[in-house]
């Protein structure tokens, strides 16, 4: 049976609205834990590399790179987890 375009769009809109339940939660988790993780990565990396380099600029560059990588990783991880949770909960009808 072929549904009309209006019914199809309503179904897609309804389905996308039910999947958006966990997105604000994943944004909140990303905004809280990503900066915290990146600060900790900076502190740990800077402290370790400071022992191995006589110049202080090289450890700082490496620590900033580690902090940015950690920040982006945790943001991506929280959005992927939020997307998967929304799809799992949305598919079970809870």
PDB file of N, CA and C in Angstrom:
ATOM      1  N   UNK A   1       0.841  -1.166   0.000  1.00  0.00           N
ATOM      2  CA  UNK A   1       0.000   0.000   0.000  1.00  0.00           C
ATOM      3  C   UNK A   1       0.895   1.241   0.000  1.00  0.00           C
ATOM      4  N   UNK A   2       0.633   2.143  -0.881  1.00  0.00           N
ATOM      5  CA  UNK A   2       1.420   3.354  -1.007  1.00  0.00           C
ATOM      6  C   UNK A   2       0.756   4.459  -0.188  1.00  0.00           C
ATOM      7  N   UNK A   3       1.524   5.015   0.742  1.00  0.00           N
ATOM      8  CA  UNK A   3       0.988   6.103   1.566  1.00  0.00           C
ATOM      9  C   UNK A   3       1.175   7.423   0.821  1.00  0.00           C
ATOM     10  N   UNK A   4       0.345   8.371   1.180  1.00  0.00           N
ATOM     11  CA  UNK A   4       0.465   9.679   0.545  1.00  0.00           C
ATOM     12  C   UNK A   4       1.721  10.392   1.071  1.00  0.00           C
ATOM     13  N   UNK A   5       2.115  11.405   0.387  1.00  0.00           N
ATOM     14  CA  UNK A   5       3.297  12.169   0.775  1.00  0.00           C
ATOM     15  C   UNK A   5       3.107  12.819   2.133  1.00  0.00           C
ATOM     16  N   UNK A   6       1.893  13.301   2.395  1.00  0.00           N
ATOM     17  CA  UNK A   6       1.619  13.948   3.678  1.00  0.00           C
ATOM     18  C   UNK A   6       1.765  12.942   4.822  1.00  0.00           C
ATOM     19  N   UNK A   7       1.205  11.737   4.641  1.00  0.00           N
ATOM     20  CA  UNK A   7       1.315  10.722   5.684  1.00  0.00           C
ATOM     21  C   UNK A   7       2.773  10.307   5.886  1.00  0.00           C
ATOM     22  N   UNK A   8       3.505  10.213   4.785  1.00  0.00           N
ATOM     23  CA  UNK A   8       4.908   9.851   4.859  1.00  0.00           C
ATOM     24  C   UNK A   8       5.704  10.906   5.634  1.00  0.00           C
ATOM     25  N   UNK A   9       5.472  12.174   5.341  1.00  0.00           N
ATOM     26  CA  UNK A   9       6.190  13.244   6.029  1.00  0.00           C
ATOM     27  C   UNK A   9       5.812  13.323   7.502  1.00  0.00           C
ATOM     28  N   UNK A  10       4.540  13.095   7.810  1.00  0.00           N
ATOM     29  CA  UNK A  10       4.105  13.098   9.207  1.00  0.00           C
ATOM     30  C   UNK A  10       4.776  11.961   9.958  1.00  0.00           C
ATOM     31  N   UNK A  11       4.868  10.792   9.337  1.00  0.00           N
ATOM     32  CA  UNK A  11       5.516   9.645   9.983  1.00  0.00           C
ATOM     33  C   UNK A  11       7.005   9.913  10.221  1.00  0.00           C
ATOM     34  N   UNK A  12       7.677  10.493   9.254  1.00  0.00           N
ATOM     35  CA  UNK A  12       9.097  10.816   9.424  1.00  0.00           C
ATOM     36  C   UNK A  12       9.276  11.871  10.512  1.00  0.00           C
ATOM     37  N   UNK A  13       8.415  12.894  10.538  1.00  0.00           N
ATOM     38  CA  UNK A  13       8.511  13.931  11.558  1.00  0.00           C
ATOM     39  C   UNK A  13       8.269  13.347  12.939  1.00  0.00           C
ATOM     40  N   UNK A  14       7.259  12.484  13.069  1.00  0.00           N
ATOM     41  CA  UNK A  14       6.969  11.875  14.361  1.00  0.00           C
ATOM     42  C   UNK A  14       8.130  10.988  14.799  1.00  0.00           C
ATOM     43  N   UNK A  15       8.681  10.216  13.881  1.00  0.00           N
ATOM     44  CA  UNK A  15       9.785   9.332  14.214  1.00  0.00           C
ATOM     45  C   UNK A  15      11.022  10.132  14.625  1.00  0.00           C
ATOM     46  N   UNK A  16      11.286  11.239  13.952  1.00  0.00           N
ATOM     47  CA  UNK A  16      12.445  12.055  14.309  1.00  0.00           C
ATOM     48  C   UNK A  16      12.232  12.756  15.649  1.00  0.00           C
ATOM     49  N   UNK A  17      11.006  13.080  15.991  1.00  0.00           N
ATOM     50  CA  UNK A  17      10.735  13.715  17.280  1.00  0.00           C
ATOM     51  C   UNK A  17      10.935  12.728  18.422  1.00  0.00           C
ATOM     52  N   UNK A  18      10.562  11.467  18.234  1.00  0.00           N
ATOM     53  CA  UNK A  18      10.759  10.485  19.304  1.00  0.00           C
ATOM     54  C   UNK A  18      12.230  10.159  19.489  1.00  0.00           C
ATOM     55  N   UNK A  19      13.030  10.271  18.435  1.00  0.00           N
ATOM     56  CA  UNK A  19      14.456   9.976  18.561  1.00  0.00           C
ATOM     57  C   UNK A  19      15.246  11.119  19.170  1.00  0.00           C
ATOM     58  N   UNK A  20      14.661  12.274  19.316  1.00  0.00           N
ATOM     59  CA  UNK A  20      15.381  13.417  19.840  1.00  0.00           C
ATOM     60  C   UNK A  20      15.316  13.501  21.366  1.00  0.00           C
ATOM     61  N   UNK A  21      14.779  12.496  22.039  1.00  0.00           N
ATOM     62  CA  UNK A  21      14.641  12.558  23.489  1.00  0.00           C
ATOM     63  C   UNK A  21      15.981  12.602  24.204  1.00  0.00           C
ATOM     64  N   UNK A  22      16.961  11.862  23.723  1.00  0.00           N
ATOM     65  CA  UNK A  22      18.226  11.769  24.416  1.00  0.00           C
ATOM     66  C   UNK A  22      19.270  12.759  23.907  1.00  0.00           C
ATOM     67  N   UNK A  23      18.958  13.505  22.875  1.00  0.00           N
ATOM     68  CA  UNK A  23      19.932  14.457  22.343  1.00  0.00           C
ATOM     69  C   UNK A  23      20.259  15.556  23.356  1.00  0.00           C
ATOM     70  N   UNK A  24      19.292  16.181  24.031  1.00  0.00           N
ATOM     71  CA  UNK A  24      19.667  17.179  25.048  1.00  0.00           C
ATOM     72  C   UNK A  24      20.509  16.580  26.179  1.00  0.00           C
ATOM     73  N   UNK A  25      20.237  15.343  26.543  1.00  0.00           N
ATOM     74  CA  UNK A  25      21.031  14.688  27.572  1.00  0.00           C
ATOM     75  C   UNK A  25      22.462  14.477  27.093  1.00  0.00           C
ATOM     76  N   UNK A  26      22.631  14.052  25.852  1.00  0.00           N
ATOM     77  CA  UNK A  26      23.992  13.844  25.340  1.00  0.00           C
ATOM     78  C   UNK A  26      24.727  15.166  25.175  1.00  0.00           C
ATOM     79  N   UNK A  27      24.018  16.238  24.848  1.00  0.00           N
ATOM     80  CA  UNK A  27      24.652  17.566  24.762  1.00  0.00           C
ATOM     81  C   UNK A  27      25.100  18.013  26.150  1.00  0.00           C
ATOM     82  N   UNK A  28      24.268  17.788  27.154  1.00  0.00           N
ATOM     83  CA  UNK A  28      24.640  18.172  28.524  1.00  0.00           C
ATOM     84  C   UNK A  28      25.844  17.373  29.000  1.00  0.00           C
ATOM     85  N   UNK A  29      25.862  16.085  28.715  1.00  0.00           N
ATOM     86  CA  UNK A  29      27.000  15.258  29.100  1.00  0.00           C
ATOM     87  C   UNK A  29      28.255  15.712  28.369  1.00  0.00           C
ATOM     88  N   UNK A  30      28.115  16.030  27.078  1.00  0.00           N
ATOM     89  CA  UNK A  30      29.270  16.492  26.294  1.00  0.00           C
ATOM     90  C   UNK A  30      29.803  17.813  26.829  1.00  0.00           C
ATOM     91  N   UNK A  31      28.919  18.721  27.212  1.00  0.00           N
ATOM     92  CA  UNK A  31      29.363  20.027  27.697  1.00  0.00           C
ATOM     93  C   UNK A  31      29.994  19.957  29.083  1.00  0.00           C
ATOM     94  N   UNK A  32      29.638  18.957  29.853  1.00  0.00           N
ATOM     95  CA  UNK A  32      30.197  18.831  31.203  1.00  0.00           C
ATOM     96  C   UNK A  32      31.493  18.028  31.193  1.00  0.00           C
ATOM     97  N   UNK A  33      31.464  16.854  30.576  1.00  0.00           N
ATOM     98  CA  UNK A  33      32.588  15.939  30.707  1.00  0.00           C
ATOM     99  C   UNK A  33      33.685  16.136  29.664  1.00  0.00           C
ATOM    100  N   UNK A  34      33.378  16.692  28.516  1.00  0.00           N
ATOM    101  CA  UNK A  34      34.421  16.901  27.505  1.00  0.00           C
ATOM    102  C   UNK A  34      35.458  17.931  27.947  1.00  0.00           C
ATOM    103  N   UNK A  35      35.052  19.095  28.458  1.00  0.00           N
ATOM    104  CA  UNK A  35      36.087  20.024  28.955  1.00  0.00           C
ATOM    105  C   UNK A  35      36.875  19.457  30.142  1.00  0.00           C
ATOM    106  N   UNK A  36      36.179  18.735  31.012  1.00  0.00           N
ATOM    107  CA  UNK A  36      36.860  18.142  32.157  1.00  0.00           C
ATOM    108  C   UNK A  36      37.894  17.115  31.704  1.00  0.00           C
ATOM    109  N   UNK A  37      37.523  16.281  30.744  1.00  0.00           N
ATOM    110  CA  UNK A  37      38.457  15.273  30.232  1.00  0.00           C
ATOM    111  C   UNK A  37      39.620  15.922  29.501  1.00  0.00           C
ATOM    112  N   UNK A  38      39.346  16.986  28.755  1.00  0.00           N
ATOM    113  CA  UNK A  38      40.435  17.638  28.025  1.00  0.00           C
ATOM    114  C   UNK A  38      41.403  18.356  28.972  1.00  0.00           C
ATOM    115  N   UNK A  39      40.892  18.939  30.035  1.00  0.00           N
ATOM    116  CA  UNK A  39      41.768  19.575  31.029  1.00  0.00           C
ATOM    117  C   UNK A  39      42.658  18.531  31.702  1.00  0.00           C
ATOM    118  N   UNK A  40      42.071  17.397  32.040  1.00  0.00           N
ATOM    119  CA  UNK A  40      42.855  16.336  32.670  1.00  0.00           C
ATOM    120  C   UNK A  40      43.892  15.775  31.702  1.00  0.00           C
ATOM    121  N   UNK A  41      43.513  15.629  30.427  1.00  0.00           N
ATOM    122  CA  UNK A  41      44.482  15.153  29.435  1.00  0.00           C
ATOM    123  C   UNK A  41      45.621  16.140  29.278  1.00  0.00           C
ATOM    124  N   UNK A  42      45.320  17.433  29.301  1.00  0.00           N
ATOM    125  CA  UNK A  42      46.363  18.457  29.201  1.00  0.00           C
ATOM    126  C   UNK A  42      47.319  18.371  30.388  1.00  0.00           C
ATOM    127  N   UNK A  43      46.773  18.286  31.585  1.00  0.00           N
ATOM    128  CA  UNK A  43      47.606  18.261  32.793  1.00  0.00           C
ATOM    129  C   UNK A  43      48.505  17.023  32.814  1.00  0.00           C
ATOM    130  N   UNK A  44      47.926  15.872  32.507  1.00  0.00           N
ATOM    131  CA  UNK A  44      48.703  14.631  32.539  1.00  0.00           C
ATOM    132  C   UNK A  44      49.766  14.630  31.443  1.00  0.00           C
ATOM    133  N   UNK A  45      49.381  15.011  30.237  1.00  0.00           N
ATOM    134  CA  UNK A  45      50.331  14.994  29.125  1.00  0.00           C
ATOM    135  C   UNK A  45      51.441  16.010  29.333  1.00  0.00           C
ATOM    136  N   UNK A  46      51.097  17.190  29.781  1.00  0.00           N
ATOM    137  CA  UNK A  46      52.109  18.225  30.020  1.00  0.00           C
ATOM    138  C   UNK A  46      53.085  17.779  31.107  1.00  0.00           C
ATOM    139  N   UNK A  47      52.560  17.201  32.161  1.00  0.00           N
ATOM    140  CA  UNK A  47      53.424  16.738  33.249  1.00  0.00           C
ATOM    141  C   UNK A  47      54.373  15.638  32.818  1.00  0.00           C
ATOM    142  N   UNK A  48      53.892  14.735  31.978  1.00  0.00           N
ATOM    143  CA  UNK A  48      54.751  13.639  31.519  1.00  0.00           C
ATOM    144  C   UNK A  48      55.775  14.110  30.499  1.00  0.00           C
ATOM    145  N   UNK A  49      55.343  14.915  29.542  1.00  0.00           N
ATOM    146  CA  UNK A  49      56.281  15.361  28.504  1.00  0.00           C
ATOM    147  C   UNK A  49      57.272  16.398  29.027  1.00  0.00           C
ATOM    148  N   UNK A  50      56.952  17.078  30.102  1.00  0.00           N
ATOM    149  CA  UNK A  50      57.860  18.065  30.679  1.00  0.00           C
ATOM    150  C   UNK A  50      59.146  17.402  31.167  1.00  0.00           C
ATOM    151  N   UNK A  51      59.036  16.144  31.556  1.00  0.00           N
ATOM    152  CA  UNK A  51      60.210  15.403  32.020  1.00  0.00           C
ATOM    153  C   UNK A  51      61.161  15.037  30.883  1.00  0.00           C
ATOM    154  N   UNK A  52      60.624  14.928  29.659  1.00  0.00           N
ATOM    155  CA  UNK A  52      61.416  14.408  28.545  1.00  0.00           C
ATOM    156  C   UNK A  52      61.978  15.477  27.622  1.00  0.00           C
ATOM    157  N   UNK A  53      61.470  16.686  27.692  1.00  0.00           N
ATOM    158  CA  UNK A  53      61.926  17.755  26.809  1.00  0.00           C
ATOM    159  C   UNK A  53      62.542  18.877  27.635  1.00  0.00           C
ATOM    160  N   UNK A  54      63.711  19.353  27.231  1.00  0.00           N
ATOM    161  CA  UNK A  54      64.312  20.467  27.980  1.00  0.00           C
ATOM    162  C   UNK A  54      63.606  21.803  27.713  1.00  0.00           C
ATOM    163  N   UNK A  55      63.056  21.946  26.509  1.00  0.00           N
ATOM    164  CA  UNK A  55      62.324  23.162  26.152  1.00  0.00           C
ATOM    165  C   UNK A  55      60.872  23.011  26.592  1.00  0.00           C
ATOM    166  N   UNK A  56      60.264  24.064  27.128  1.00  0.00           N
ATOM    167  CA  UNK A  56      58.894  23.960  27.627  1.00  0.00           C
ATOM    168  C   UNK A  56      57.838  24.184  26.550  1.00  0.00           C
ATOM    169  N   UNK A  57      58.240  24.636  25.365  1.00  0.00           N
ATOM    170  CA  UNK A  57      57.257  24.880  24.309  1.00  0.00           C
ATOM    171  C   UNK A  57      56.776  23.590  23.664  1.00  0.00           C
ATOM    172  N   UNK A  58      57.664  22.637  23.474  1.00  0.00           N
ATOM    173  CA  UNK A  58      57.278  21.380  22.832  1.00  0.00           C
ATOM    174  C   UNK A  58      56.269  20.588  23.677  1.00  0.00           C
ATOM    175  N   UNK A  59      56.486  20.431  24.995  1.00  0.00           N
ATOM    176  CA  UNK A  59      55.473  19.731  25.791  1.00  0.00           C
ATOM    177  C   UNK A  59      54.121  20.440  25.801  1.00  0.00           C
ATOM    178  N   UNK A  60      54.135  21.775  25.758  1.00  0.00           N
ATOM    179  CA  UNK A  60      52.878  22.514  25.756  1.00  0.00           C
ATOM    180  C   UNK A  60      52.106  22.261  24.460  1.00  0.00           C
ATOM    181  N   UNK A  61      52.812  22.239  23.330  1.00  0.00           N
ATOM    182  CA  UNK A  61      52.154  21.963  22.050  1.00  0.00           C
ATOM    183  C   UNK A  61      51.566  20.563  22.034  1.00  0.00           C
ATOM    184  N   UNK A  62      52.318  19.595  22.523  1.00  0.00           N
ATOM    185  CA  UNK A  62      51.826  18.222  22.560  1.00  0.00           C
ATOM    186  C   UNK A  62      50.645  18.069  23.524  1.00  0.00           C
ATOM    187  N   UNK A  63      50.691  18.780  24.641  1.00  0.00           N
ATOM    188  CA  UNK A  63      49.607  18.707  25.616  1.00  0.00           C
ATOM    189  C   UNK A  63      48.332  19.358  25.069  1.00  0.00           C
ATOM    190  N   UNK A  64      48.467  20.466  24.348  1.00  0.00           N
ATOM    191  CA  UNK A  64      47.297  21.110  23.738  1.00  0.00           C
ATOM    192  C   UNK A  64      46.696  20.204  22.672  1.00  0.00           C
ATOM    193  N   UNK A  65      47.555  19.553  21.895  1.00  0.00           N
ATOM    194  CA  UNK A  65      47.065  18.613  20.885  1.00  0.00           C
ATOM    195  C   UNK A  65      46.318  17.448  21.526  1.00  0.00           C
ATOM    196  N   UNK A  66      46.843  16.926  22.624  1.00  0.00           N
ATOM    197  CA  UNK A  66      46.170  15.831  23.332  1.00  0.00           C
ATOM    198  C   UNK A  66      44.839  16.296  23.922  1.00  0.00           C
ATOM    199  N   UNK A  67      44.806  17.513  24.435  1.00  0.00           N
ATOM    200  CA  UNK A  67      43.569  18.052  25.015  1.00  0.00           C
ATOM    201  C   UNK A  67      42.495  18.245  23.944  1.00  0.00           C
ATOM    202  N   UNK A  68      42.877  18.779  22.790  1.00  0.00           N
ATOM    203  CA  UNK A  68      41.900  18.961  21.710  1.00  0.00           C
ATOM    204  C   UNK A  68      41.393  17.630  21.176  1.00  0.00           C
ATOM    205  N   UNK A  69      42.287  16.667  21.049  1.00  0.00           N
ATOM    206  CA  UNK A  69      41.880  15.336  20.594  1.00  0.00           C
ATOM    207  C   UNK A  69      40.922  14.694  21.584  1.00  0.00           C
ATOM    208  N   UNK A  70      41.223  14.814  22.853  1.00  0.00           N
ATOM    209  CA  UNK A  70      40.343  14.258  23.886  1.00  0.00           C
ATOM    210  C   UNK A  70      38.988  14.951  23.885  1.00  0.00           C
ATOM    211  N   UNK A  71      38.978  16.264  23.730  1.00  0.00           N
ATOM    212  CA  UNK A  71      37.732  17.021  23.689  1.00  0.00           C
ATOM    213  C   UNK A  71      36.850  16.558  22.535  1.00  0.00           C
ATOM    214  N   UNK A  72      37.430  16.458  21.349  1.00  0.00           N
ATOM    215  CA  UNK A  72      36.660  16.026  20.178  1.00  0.00           C
ATOM    216  C   UNK A  72      36.212  14.576  20.298  1.00  0.00           C
ATOM    217  N   UNK A  73      37.050  13.722  20.867  1.00  0.00           N
ATOM    218  CA  UNK A  73      36.689  12.326  21.048  1.00  0.00           C
ATOM    219  C   UNK A  73      35.492  12.183  21.981  1.00  0.00           C
ATOM    220  N   UNK A  74      35.497  12.891  23.109  1.00  0.00           N
ATOM    221  CA  UNK A  74      34.400  12.762  24.056  1.00  0.00           C
ATOM    222  C   UNK A  74      33.101  13.390  23.530  1.00  0.00           C
ATOM    223  N   UNK A  75      33.203  14.451  22.758  1.00  0.00           N
ATOM    224  CA  UNK A  75      31.995  15.012  22.146  1.00  0.00           C
ATOM    225  C   UNK A  75      31.403  14.019  21.160  1.00  0.00           C
ATOM    226  N   UNK A  76      32.243  13.445  20.312  1.00  0.00           N
ATOM    227  CA  UNK A  76      31.756  12.456  19.342  1.00  0.00           C
ATOM    228  C   UNK A  76      31.193  11.240  20.052  1.00  0.00           C
ATOM    229  N   UNK A  77      31.855  10.785  21.091  1.00  0.00           N
ATOM    230  CA  UNK A  77      31.386   9.618  21.832  1.00  0.00           C
ATOM    231  C   UNK A  77      30.030   9.872  22.489  1.00  0.00           C
ATOM    232  N   UNK A  78      29.832  11.042  23.046  1.00  0.00           N
ATOM    233  CA  UNK A  78      28.551  11.325  23.706  1.00  0.00           C
ATOM    234  C   UNK A  78      27.416  11.442  22.684  1.00  0.00           C
ATOM    235  N   UNK A  79      27.685  12.032  21.516  1.00  0.00           N
ATOM    236  CA  UNK A  79      26.641  12.127  20.506  1.00  0.00           C
ATOM    237  C   UNK A  79      26.313  10.765  19.908  1.00  0.00           C
ATOM    238  N   UNK A  80      27.312   9.931  19.718  1.00  0.00           N
ATOM    239  CA  UNK A  80      27.049   8.579  19.211  1.00  0.00           C
ATOM    240  C   UNK A  80      26.260   7.780  20.234  1.00  0.00           C
ATOM    241  N   UNK A  81      26.626   7.883  21.495  1.00  0.00           N
ATOM    242  CA  UNK A  81      25.891   7.173  22.543  1.00  0.00           C
ATOM    243  C   UNK A  81      24.456   7.689  22.651  1.00  0.00           C
ATOM    244  N   UNK A  82      24.263   8.996  22.552  1.00  0.00           N
ATOM    245  CA  UNK A  82      22.913   9.563  22.582  1.00  0.00           C
ATOM    246  C   UNK A  82      22.084   9.114  21.395  1.00  0.00           C
ATOM    247  N   UNK A  83      22.700   9.059  20.212  1.00  0.00           N
ATOM    248  CA  UNK A  83      21.999   8.597  19.015  1.00  0.00           C
ATOM    249  C   UNK A  83      21.598   7.129  19.153  1.00  0.00           C
ATOM    250  N   UNK A  84      22.522   6.299  19.643  1.00  0.00           N
ATOM    251  CA  UNK A  84      22.206   4.878  19.808  1.00  0.00           C
ATOM    252  C   UNK A  84      21.134   4.658  20.868  1.00  0.00           C
ATOM    253  N   UNK A  85      21.217   5.375  21.963  1.00  0.00           N
ATOM    254  CA  UNK A  85      20.188   5.245  23.002  1.00  0.00           C
ATOM    255  C   UNK A  85      18.819   5.682  22.483  1.00  0.00           C
ATOM    256  N   UNK A  86      18.795   6.758  21.722  1.00  0.00           N
ATOM    257  CA  UNK A  86      17.521   7.237  21.180  1.00  0.00           C
ATOM    258  C   UNK A  86      16.931   6.226  20.212  1.00  0.00           C
ATOM    259  N   UNK A  87      17.764   5.582  19.432  1.00  0.00           N
ATOM    260  CA  UNK A  87      17.251   4.590  18.498  1.00  0.00           C
ATOM    261  C   UNK A  87      16.820   3.306  19.197  1.00  0.00           C
ATOM    262  N   UNK A  88      17.540   2.915  20.229  1.00  0.00           N
ATOM    263  CA  UNK A  88      17.159   1.707  20.955  1.00  0.00           C
ATOM    264  C   UNK A  88      15.847   1.930  21.697  1.00  0.00           C
ATOM    265  N   UNK A  89      15.735   3.032  22.399  1.00  0.00           N
ATOM    266  CA  UNK A  89      14.520   3.319  23.147  1.00  0.00           C
ATOM    267  C   UNK A  89      13.363   3.609  22.192  1.00  0.00           C
ATOM    268  N   UNK A  90      13.641   4.330  21.109  1.00  0.00           N
ATOM    269  CA  UNK A  90      12.607   4.655  20.136  1.00  0.00           C
ATOM    270  C   UNK A  90      12.081   3.432  19.422  1.00  0.00           C
ATOM    271  N   UNK A  91      12.932   2.423  19.198  1.00  0.00           N
ATOM    272  CA  UNK A  91      12.493   1.232  18.487  1.00  0.00           C
ATOM    273  C   UNK A  91      11.679   0.300  19.379  1.00  0.00           C
ATOM    274  N   UNK A  92      11.868   0.369  20.693  1.00  0.00           N
ATOM    275  CA  UNK A  92      11.108  -0.478  21.606  1.00  0.00           C
ATOM    276  C   UNK A  92       9.794   0.159  22.039  1.00  0.00           C
ATOM    277  N   UNK A  93       9.617   1.426  21.696  1.00  0.00           N
ATOM    278  CA  UNK A  93       8.352   2.090  22.004  1.00  0.00           C
ATOM    279  C   UNK A  93       8.213   2.548  23.433  1.00  0.00           C
ATOM    280  N   UNK A  94       9.304   2.739  24.126  1.00  0.00           N
ATOM    281  CA  UNK A  94       9.243   3.191  25.518  1.00  0.00           C
ATOM    282  C   UNK A  94       9.052   4.670  25.614  1.00  0.00           C
TER     283      UNK A  94
END
